[in-house]
Amino acid sequence: MAEIIALRFDHDEREFFARVLEESGGPAQVTDPLAVFVGFADANDMVKRCHDIAARVDLEEYIAEVGLKRNQLACEILFSSDIYGSGFD
């Protein structure tokens, strides 16, 4: 069973994390190979799960640790990459 954890983000951290994850379905061009590398089934799965986690972050809900780690890696790629990210960083 996955460990469920509470995020201890302040308001600005929650806002940043959620907004970056939401970019997975927008200007960011996530590919299937990238999504699989991060731990998702494919690009569509990554977009769906990133949006789900973003909603949970906004609501300050608990998140499975494995989901948080996978989405944190996705967040880092989406924010910092000019190739796979949104290009707005």
C-alpha atoms as a PDB file:
ATOM      1  CA  MET A   1       0.000   0.000   0.000  1.00  0.00           C
ATOM      2  CA  ALA A   2       1.296   3.431  -0.941  1.00  0.00           C
ATOM      3  CA  GLU A   3       2.248   5.818   1.829  1.00  0.00           C
ATOM      4  CA  ILE A   4      -0.023   8.870   1.909  1.00  0.00           C
ATOM      5  CA  ILE A   5       1.624  12.127   2.930  1.00  0.00           C
ATOM      6  CA  ALA A   6       0.554  15.682   3.623  1.00  0.00           C
ATOM      7  CA  LEU A   7       2.288  18.370   1.650  1.00  0.00           C
ATOM      8  CA  ARG A   8       3.933  20.967   3.775  1.00  0.00           C
ATOM      9  CA  PHE A   9       4.034  23.605   1.062  1.00  0.00           C
ATOM     10  CA  ASP A  10       3.290  27.224   1.786  1.00  0.00           C
ATOM     11  CA  HIS A  11       0.804  29.052  -0.446  1.00  0.00           C
ATOM     12  CA  ASP A  12       3.402  30.170  -3.019  1.00  0.00           C
ATOM     13  CA  GLU A  13       4.942  26.692  -3.278  1.00  0.00           C
ATOM     14  CA  ARG A  14       1.512  25.090  -3.779  1.00  0.00           C
ATOM     15  CA  GLU A  15       0.629  27.654  -6.436  1.00  0.00           C
ATOM     16  CA  PHE A  16       3.916  27.137  -8.309  1.00  0.00           C
ATOM     17  CA  PHE A  17       3.766  23.323  -8.167  1.00  0.00           C
ATOM     18  CA  ALA A  18       0.141  23.181  -9.307  1.00  0.00           C
ATOM     19  CA  ARG A  19       0.597  25.698 -12.152  1.00  0.00           C
ATOM     20  CA  VAL A  20       3.667  23.916 -13.534  1.00  0.00           C
ATOM     21  CA  LEU A  21       1.890  20.543 -13.460  1.00  0.00           C
ATOM     22  CA  GLU A  22      -1.063  22.053 -15.314  1.00  0.00           C
ATOM     23  CA  GLU A  23       1.308  23.071 -18.132  1.00  0.00           C
ATOM     24  CA  SER A  24       1.695  19.397 -19.045  1.00  0.00           C
ATOM     25  CA  GLY A  25      -1.498  19.696 -21.080  1.00  0.00           C
ATOM     26  CA  GLY A  26      -0.819  23.121 -22.541  1.00  0.00           C
ATOM     27  CA  PRO A  27       2.251  24.630 -24.183  1.00  0.00           C
ATOM     28  CA  ALA A  28       4.466  21.794 -22.935  1.00  0.00           C
ATOM     29  CA  GLN A  29       4.828  19.082 -25.551  1.00  0.00           C
ATOM     30  CA  VAL A  30       5.103  15.931 -23.478  1.00  0.00           C
ATOM     31  CA  THR A  31       5.997  12.844 -25.488  1.00  0.00           C
ATOM     32  CA  ASP A  32       5.184   9.220 -24.699  1.00  0.00           C
ATOM     33  CA  PRO A  33       8.867   8.314 -24.164  1.00  0.00           C
ATOM     34  CA  LEU A  34       9.335  11.195 -21.705  1.00  0.00           C
ATOM     35  CA  ALA A  35       6.149  10.287 -19.840  1.00  0.00           C
ATOM     36  CA  VAL A  36       7.211   6.633 -19.582  1.00  0.00           C
ATOM     37  CA  PHE A  37      10.668   7.685 -18.361  1.00  0.00           C
ATOM     38  CA  VAL A  38       9.061   9.737 -15.590  1.00  0.00           C
ATOM     39  CA  GLY A  39       6.854   6.778 -14.603  1.00  0.00           C
ATOM     40  CA  PHE A  40       3.561   7.326 -16.397  1.00  0.00           C
ATOM     41  CA  ALA A  41       1.916   4.971 -18.905  1.00  0.00           C
ATOM     42  CA  ASP A  42       2.069   7.529 -21.742  1.00  0.00           C
ATOM     43  CA  ALA A  43       1.726  11.260 -22.412  1.00  0.00           C
ATOM     44  CA  ASN A  44      -2.055  11.241 -21.942  1.00  0.00           C
ATOM     45  CA  ASP A  45      -1.658   9.483 -18.584  1.00  0.00           C
ATOM     46  CA  MET A  46       0.931  12.076 -17.546  1.00  0.00           C
ATOM     47  CA  VAL A  47      -1.343  14.982 -18.430  1.00  0.00           C
ATOM     48  CA  LYS A  48      -4.298  13.435 -16.572  1.00  0.00           C
ATOM     49  CA  ARG A  49      -2.302  12.558 -13.461  1.00  0.00           C
ATOM     50  CA  CYS A  50      -0.514  15.924 -13.396  1.00  0.00           C
ATOM     51  CA  HIS A  51      -3.870  17.690 -13.503  1.00  0.00           C
ATOM     52  CA  ASP A  52      -5.218  15.390 -10.760  1.00  0.00           C
ATOM     53  CA  ILE A  53      -2.228  16.113  -8.511  1.00  0.00           C
ATOM     54  CA  ALA A  54      -2.453  19.852  -9.281  1.00  0.00           C
ATOM     55  CA  ALA A  55      -6.078  19.817  -8.095  1.00  0.00           C
ATOM     56  CA  ARG A  56      -5.080  17.947  -4.921  1.00  0.00           C
ATOM     57  CA  VAL A  57      -2.277  20.450  -4.284  1.00  0.00           C
ATOM     58  CA  ASP A  58      -4.707  23.356  -4.701  1.00  0.00           C
ATOM     59  CA  LEU A  59      -7.039  21.758  -2.158  1.00  0.00           C
ATOM     60  CA  GLU A  60      -4.168  20.883   0.213  1.00  0.00           C
ATOM     61  CA  GLU A  61      -5.181  17.218   0.113  1.00  0.00           C
ATOM     62  CA  TYR A  62      -3.021  14.229   1.002  1.00  0.00           C
ATOM     63  CA  ILE A  63      -1.045  12.624  -1.842  1.00  0.00           C
ATOM     64  CA  ALA A  64       0.503   9.194  -2.275  1.00  0.00           C
ATOM     65  CA  GLU A  65       4.276   9.486  -1.857  1.00  0.00           C
ATOM     66  CA  VAL A  66       4.972   7.681  -5.145  1.00  0.00           C
ATOM     67  CA  GLY A  67       2.593  10.070  -6.950  1.00  0.00           C
ATOM     68  CA  LEU A  68       4.278  13.067  -5.382  1.00  0.00           C
ATOM     69  CA  LYS A  69       7.750  11.903  -6.420  1.00  0.00           C
ATOM     70  CA  ARG A  70       6.631  11.140  -9.983  1.00  0.00           C
ATOM     71  CA  ASN A  71       4.903  14.514 -10.276  1.00  0.00           C
ATOM     72  CA  GLN A  72       7.806  16.361  -8.687  1.00  0.00           C
ATOM     73  CA  LEU A  73      10.077  14.976 -11.412  1.00  0.00           C
ATOM     74  CA  ALA A  74       7.489  15.955 -14.028  1.00  0.00           C
ATOM     75  CA  CYS A  75       7.350  19.442 -12.496  1.00  0.00           C
ATOM     76  CA  GLU A  76      11.116  19.831 -12.659  1.00  0.00           C
ATOM     77  CA  ILE A  77      11.198  18.778 -16.325  1.00  0.00           C
ATOM     78  CA  LEU A  78       8.219  20.920 -17.330  1.00  0.00           C
ATOM     79  CA  PHE A  79       9.584  24.003 -15.583  1.00  0.00           C
ATOM     80  CA  SER A  80      13.215  23.796 -16.617  1.00  0.00           C
ATOM     81  CA  SER A  81      13.139  22.302 -20.108  1.00  0.00           C
ATOM     82  CA  ASP A  82      12.909  24.463 -23.212  1.00  0.00           C
ATOM     83  CA  ILE A  83      12.305  21.290 -25.237  1.00  0.00           C
ATOM     84  CA  TYR A  84       9.655  19.509 -23.152  1.00  0.00           C
ATOM     85  CA  GLY A  85       8.574  22.388 -20.959  1.00  0.00           C
ATOM     86  CA  SER A  86       6.327  25.312 -21.653  1.00  0.00           C
ATOM     87  CA  GLY A  87       9.101  27.697 -22.606  1.00  0.00           C
ATOM     88  CA  PHE A  88       7.710  30.363 -20.259  1.00  0.00           C
ATOM     89  CA  ASP A  89      10.254  29.948 -17.478  1.00  0.00           C
END
